[in-house]
Protein backbone atom coordinates (compact mmCIF):
# COMPACT_ATOMS: atom_id res chain seq x y z
CA MET A 1 -0.09 0.03 0.12
CA TYR A 2 1.21 3.50 -1.11
CA ARG A 3 0.59 5.74 2.26
CA ILE A 4 0.44 9.63 1.67
CA ALA A 5 0.42 12.48 4.46
CA LEU A 6 -0.42 15.74 4.13
CA CYS A 7 0.36 18.62 6.55
CA GLU A 8 -1.45 21.88 5.50
CA ASP A 9 -3.02 24.31 7.85
CA GLU A 10 -5.15 25.95 5.18
CA LYS A 11 -8.39 23.67 5.27
CA ILE A 12 -9.20 24.58 1.57
CA PHE A 13 -5.79 23.72 0.23
CA ALA A 14 -5.79 20.68 2.42
CA GLU A 15 -9.11 19.29 1.07
CA GLU A 16 -7.95 20.08 -2.34
CA GLN A 17 -4.49 18.17 -2.10
CA ALA A 18 -6.25 15.26 -0.62
CA ARG A 19 -8.79 15.17 -3.65
CA ILE A 20 -5.92 15.24 -6.12
CA CYS A 21 -4.20 12.62 -4.35
CA ARG A 22 -7.26 10.39 -4.07
CA ARG A 23 -8.35 10.94 -7.66
CA ILE A 24 -4.56 9.99 -8.92
CA MET A 25 -4.40 6.85 -7.05
CA GLU A 26 -8.03 5.95 -7.83
CA LYS A 27 -7.36 6.46 -11.72
CA ARG A 28 -4.61 4.29 -11.60
CA ASN A 29 -6.27 1.45 -9.22
CA LEU A 30 -3.50 1.70 -6.85
CA GLU A 31 -4.03 0.58 -3.32
CA HIS A 32 -3.44 3.59 -0.98
CA SER A 33 -4.22 5.71 2.22
CA ILE A 34 -4.29 9.57 2.70
CA SER A 35 -3.90 11.06 6.16
CA VAL A 36 -4.71 14.67 6.23
CA PHE A 37 -3.26 16.65 9.27
CA GLU A 38 -4.36 20.31 9.42
CA ASN A 39 -1.41 21.42 12.05
CA ALA A 40 2.11 20.58 12.84
CA GLU A 41 1.00 19.48 16.56
CA ASP A 42 -1.09 16.61 15.07
CA PHE A 43 1.58 15.49 12.55
CA LEU A 44 4.21 15.23 14.88
CA ARG A 45 2.35 13.27 17.51
CA VAL A 46 1.81 10.78 15.03
CA LEU A 47 5.48 10.87 14.03
CA SER A 48 6.52 10.33 17.66
CA LEU A 49 4.40 6.97 17.73
CA SER A 50 6.42 3.48 17.75
CA PRO A 51 6.84 2.78 13.93
CA SER A 52 3.92 0.74 12.44
CA ASP A 53 1.89 0.72 9.32
CA ASN A 54 -0.17 3.26 10.55
CA THR A 55 2.63 5.55 11.35
CA ARG A 56 4.74 4.70 8.22
CA PHE A 57 4.19 6.90 5.21
CA ASP A 58 5.94 6.74 1.63
CA LEU A 59 5.18 10.48 0.61
CA PHE A 60 4.74 13.56 2.38
CA LEU A 61 3.05 16.68 1.07
CA LEU A 62 4.33 19.57 3.30
CA ASP A 63 3.26 23.22 3.32
CA ILE A 64 6.51 25.12 3.76
CA VAL A 65 4.76 28.20 5.63
CA MET A 66 2.31 27.25 8.31
CA ASN A 67 1.15 29.23 11.61
CA GLU A 68 2.99 27.31 14.43
CA THR A 69 6.13 25.90 12.38
CA ASN A 70 6.99 25.46 8.85
CA GLY A 71 7.38 22.40 6.62
CA VAL A 72 11.30 22.20 6.46
CA ASP A 73 11.35 21.84 10.22
CA LEU A 74 8.91 19.05 9.90
CA ALA A 75 10.92 17.53 6.93
CA ARG A 76 13.93 17.39 9.29
CA VAL A 77 12.14 15.44 12.08
CA ILE A 78 10.99 12.95 9.20
CA ARG A 79 14.56 12.45 8.03
CA GLU A 80 15.48 11.62 11.60
CA ARG A 81 13.41 8.60 11.19
CA ASP A 82 13.05 7.85 7.59
CA LYS A 83 15.74 8.74 4.96
CA ASP A 84 13.75 7.09 2.21
CA ALA A 85 10.31 8.67 2.25
CA ALA A 86 9.49 11.35 -0.43
CA ILE A 87 8.98 14.68 0.88
CA ILE A 88 7.30 17.31 -1.61
CA PHE A 89 7.32 20.81 -0.30
CA ILE A 90 4.05 22.91 -1.33
CA THR A 91 4.48 26.77 -1.29
CA ALA A 92 2.66 29.98 -2.59
CA ASN A 93 6.06 31.67 -2.80
CA PRO A 94 8.92 30.09 -5.17
CA GLU A 95 11.53 31.89 -2.89
CA TYR A 96 10.84 29.58 -0.48
CA ALA A 97 12.04 26.64 -2.52
CA LEU A 98 15.61 27.40 -1.60
CA GLN A 99 14.83 26.45 1.72
CA GLY A 100 15.12 22.70 2.78
CA TYR A 101 18.04 21.61 0.32
CA ASP A 102 19.50 19.34 3.21
CA VAL A 103 16.43 16.98 3.71
CA ASN A 104 16.53 15.84 0.14
CA ALA A 105 13.27 16.84 -0.91
CA LEU A 106 11.74 15.13 -4.03
CA HIS A 107 10.14 18.20 -5.55
CA TYR A 108 8.83 21.66 -4.74
CA LEU A 109 5.20 22.70 -5.99
CA ILE A 110 3.72 25.95 -6.28
CA LYS A 111 0.07 26.74 -5.10
CA PRO A 112 -2.46 26.10 -6.42
CA ILE A 113 -0.95 22.51 -7.40
CA ASP A 114 -1.19 21.30 -11.10
CA SER A 115 -2.79 17.99 -10.67
CA GLY A 116 -1.15 16.69 -13.93
CA VAL A 117 2.40 17.73 -12.40
CA LEU A 118 1.68 16.00 -9.08
CA GLU A 119 0.24 12.77 -11.14
CA LYS A 120 3.51 12.40 -12.79
CA ILE A 121 5.36 12.93 -9.53
CA ILE A 122 3.37 10.49 -7.52
CA THR A 123 3.38 7.84 -10.37
CA ALA A 124 7.46 8.22 -10.91
CA ASP A 125 7.74 7.84 -7.00
CA TYR A 126 5.24 4.79 -6.71
CA GLU A 127 6.73 3.10 -9.48
CA GLN A 128 10.35 3.69 -8.04
CA ARG A 129 9.19 2.11 -4.75
CA PHE A 130 7.14 -0.80 -5.97
CA GLN A 131 8.36 -1.49 -9.63
CA ARG A 132 12.10 -0.91 -9.06
CA ASP A 133 14.78 -0.70 -11.41
CA PHE A 134 17.53 -2.96 -10.77
CA LEU A 135 21.36 -3.19 -11.91
CA ILE A 136 22.48 -6.80 -12.23
CA ILE A 137 26.35 -7.08 -12.23
CA LYS A 138 28.31 -10.40 -12.01
CA THR A 139 30.57 -10.54 -8.63
CA ASP A 140 32.29 -13.51 -7.43
CA GLU A 141 30.70 -15.81 -10.09
CA ARG A 142 27.13 -14.89 -9.57
CA ASN A 143 24.86 -12.20 -10.50
CA ARG A 144 24.08 -9.49 -7.97
CA ARG A 145 20.82 -7.76 -8.09
CA ILE A 146 21.01 -4.06 -6.98
CA PRO A 147 18.22 -1.84 -6.64
CA ALA A 148 18.99 1.34 -8.58
CA GLN A 149 17.58 3.65 -5.57
CA ASP A 150 20.09 2.13 -2.99
CA ILE A 151 23.16 3.39 -5.08
CA VAL A 152 24.65 6.36 -4.09
CA CYS A 153 27.87 6.55 -6.36
CA LEU A 154 30.27 4.52 -8.37
CA GLU A 155 34.09 5.38 -8.08
CA VAL A 156 37.18 4.05 -9.45
CA VAL A 157 39.28 2.28 -6.69
CA GLY A 158 42.70 1.05 -8.52
CA ARG A 159 41.65 -1.39 -11.34
CA ASN A 160 38.16 -1.64 -9.62
CA VAL A 161 34.92 0.07 -9.22
CA GLY A 162 33.68 0.84 -5.59
CA ILE A 163 29.89 0.76 -5.49
CA THR A 164 28.53 3.00 -2.61
CA LEU A 165 25.20 1.92 -1.39
CA LYS A 166 22.83 3.32 1.25
CA ASP A 167 23.83 0.59 3.71
CA GLY A 168 27.35 -0.31 2.61
CA SER A 169 29.64 -0.84 -0.35
CA PHE A 170 31.67 -3.31 -2.20
CA GLU A 171 33.99 -3.46 -5.06
CA TYR A 172 33.50 -4.84 -8.72
CA SER A 173 36.07 -6.01 -10.87
CA GLY A 174 35.54 -4.06 -13.87
CA LYS A 175 35.49 -0.43 -15.37
CA LEU A 176 33.75 2.36 -14.70
CA SER A 177 32.77 3.14 -18.17
CA GLU A 178 31.43 -0.50 -18.35
CA LEU A 179 29.01 0.19 -15.63
CA MET A 180 27.97 3.32 -16.96
CA GLU A 181 26.97 1.55 -19.93
CA GLU A 182 25.17 -1.06 -17.73
CA LEU A 183 23.51 1.53 -16.27
CA SER A 184 21.98 3.11 -19.45
CA TYR A 185 21.11 0.01 -20.85
CA GLN A 186 19.66 -1.70 -17.69
CA LEU A 187 17.58 1.14 -16.17
CA SER A 188 15.05 3.53 -17.13
CA ASP A 189 16.13 5.91 -14.35
CA GLU A 190 18.16 8.79 -15.69
CA SER A 191 19.59 9.86 -12.36
CA PHE A 192 22.99 8.61 -12.86
CA VAL A 193 25.61 11.05 -14.19
CA ARG A 194 29.13 11.31 -14.53
CA CYS A 195 30.58 14.24 -12.18
CA HIS A 196 34.47 13.47 -12.38
CA ILE A 197 36.62 11.08 -14.50
CA GLY A 198 36.47 9.04 -11.36
CA TYR A 199 32.93 9.11 -10.46
CA ILE A 200 29.22 8.62 -11.28
CA VAL A 201 26.61 9.76 -8.82
CA ASN A 202 23.22 9.05 -8.16
CA LEU A 203 21.31 12.28 -8.25
CA LYS A 204 18.49 11.03 -6.27
CA ASN A 205 20.72 10.51 -3.28
CA ILE A 206 22.28 13.99 -3.37
CA LYS A 207 21.21 16.12 -0.48
CA LYS A 208 23.42 19.21 -1.15
CA LEU A 209 25.10 20.10 -4.32
CA THR A 210 27.63 22.90 -5.24
CA ARG A 211 29.75 23.61 -8.12
CA THR A 212 32.65 21.42 -6.76
CA GLN A 213 31.05 18.89 -4.82
CA ALA A 214 27.99 16.60 -4.06
CA ILE A 215 27.16 15.73 -0.70
CA THR A 216 24.95 12.55 -0.50
CA VAL A 217 22.43 11.26 1.79
CA THR A 218 25.11 9.08 3.55
CA ASP A 219 27.39 12.24 3.96
CA LYS A 220 29.94 11.06 1.57
CA VAL A 221 31.46 13.94 -0.35
CA ILE A 222 31.95 13.55 -4.01
CA PRO A 223 34.00 15.71 -6.25
CA ILE A 224 32.63 17.49 -8.98
CA SER A 225 35.12 18.41 -11.85
CA ARG A 226 34.94 21.57 -13.84
CA ALA A 227 34.47 19.57 -16.94
CA TYR A 228 31.24 18.05 -15.53
CA SER A 229 29.71 20.95 -13.48
CA ASN A 230 27.41 22.43 -15.69
CA GLU A 231 26.09 19.06 -16.77
CA VAL A 232 25.63 18.04 -13.34
CA GLN A 233 23.98 20.95 -12.22
CA LYS A 234 21.69 20.73 -15.13
CA ALA A 235 20.79 17.28 -14.84
CA PHE A 236 19.96 17.85 -10.76
CA LEU A 237 17.74 21.00 -11.71
CA LYS A 238 15.83 19.05 -14.32
CA GLN A 239 15.09 16.19 -12.08
CA MET A 240 14.16 18.71 -9.31
CA TRP A 241 11.42 20.61 -11.50
CA GLU A 242 10.70 18.76 -14.85
CA PHE A 243 7.89 16.41 -14.49
């Protein structure tokens, strides 16, 4: 089941967001639940409960500006408990989209929400979670199946390729260029980009990006060379905004 949580203190917007989400899920005949919180206090109370199906969510839609607190602070609480949940910030002012880069937000949407854009975002996130892409590579005489979303980066390590995952790392006996070809061939995901002669990074697992380096969700610092900087910046922005 795909579980959605909305936190919006303006009732009219909360009802409209819930209506759009419900229509999207019913249109695609997807099993789902939608929980609506009209204030941060109720939202935080549920998050503080012991993890269970009733307190676990796949997607959060958070209003950035609310009376008691703001969506960015709520997102930081979410990230303390769940590094993988998708977070979408909702705002009436595009300037607020500059906030919250450190919580690895999936997208930023401007009020009133474009239902077509939200449908594409939710569909992509659902497919990633329940219809995952996998990279299949041969290691130790067997094939290893790695969920694409778990890959943080690939890097040259001597004559091998180091593969960093969200929960560990290992080495692959081969060339970085060969793995890049496999990524392009096996995956529908376009989130993997070369950022350095010795590195390929998964844009979906970056929480902060500058011209010279990317900081991943595992806090690994990856260099970005001048030759690839513009390409990486454009790809990162495209992933964040274009749907």
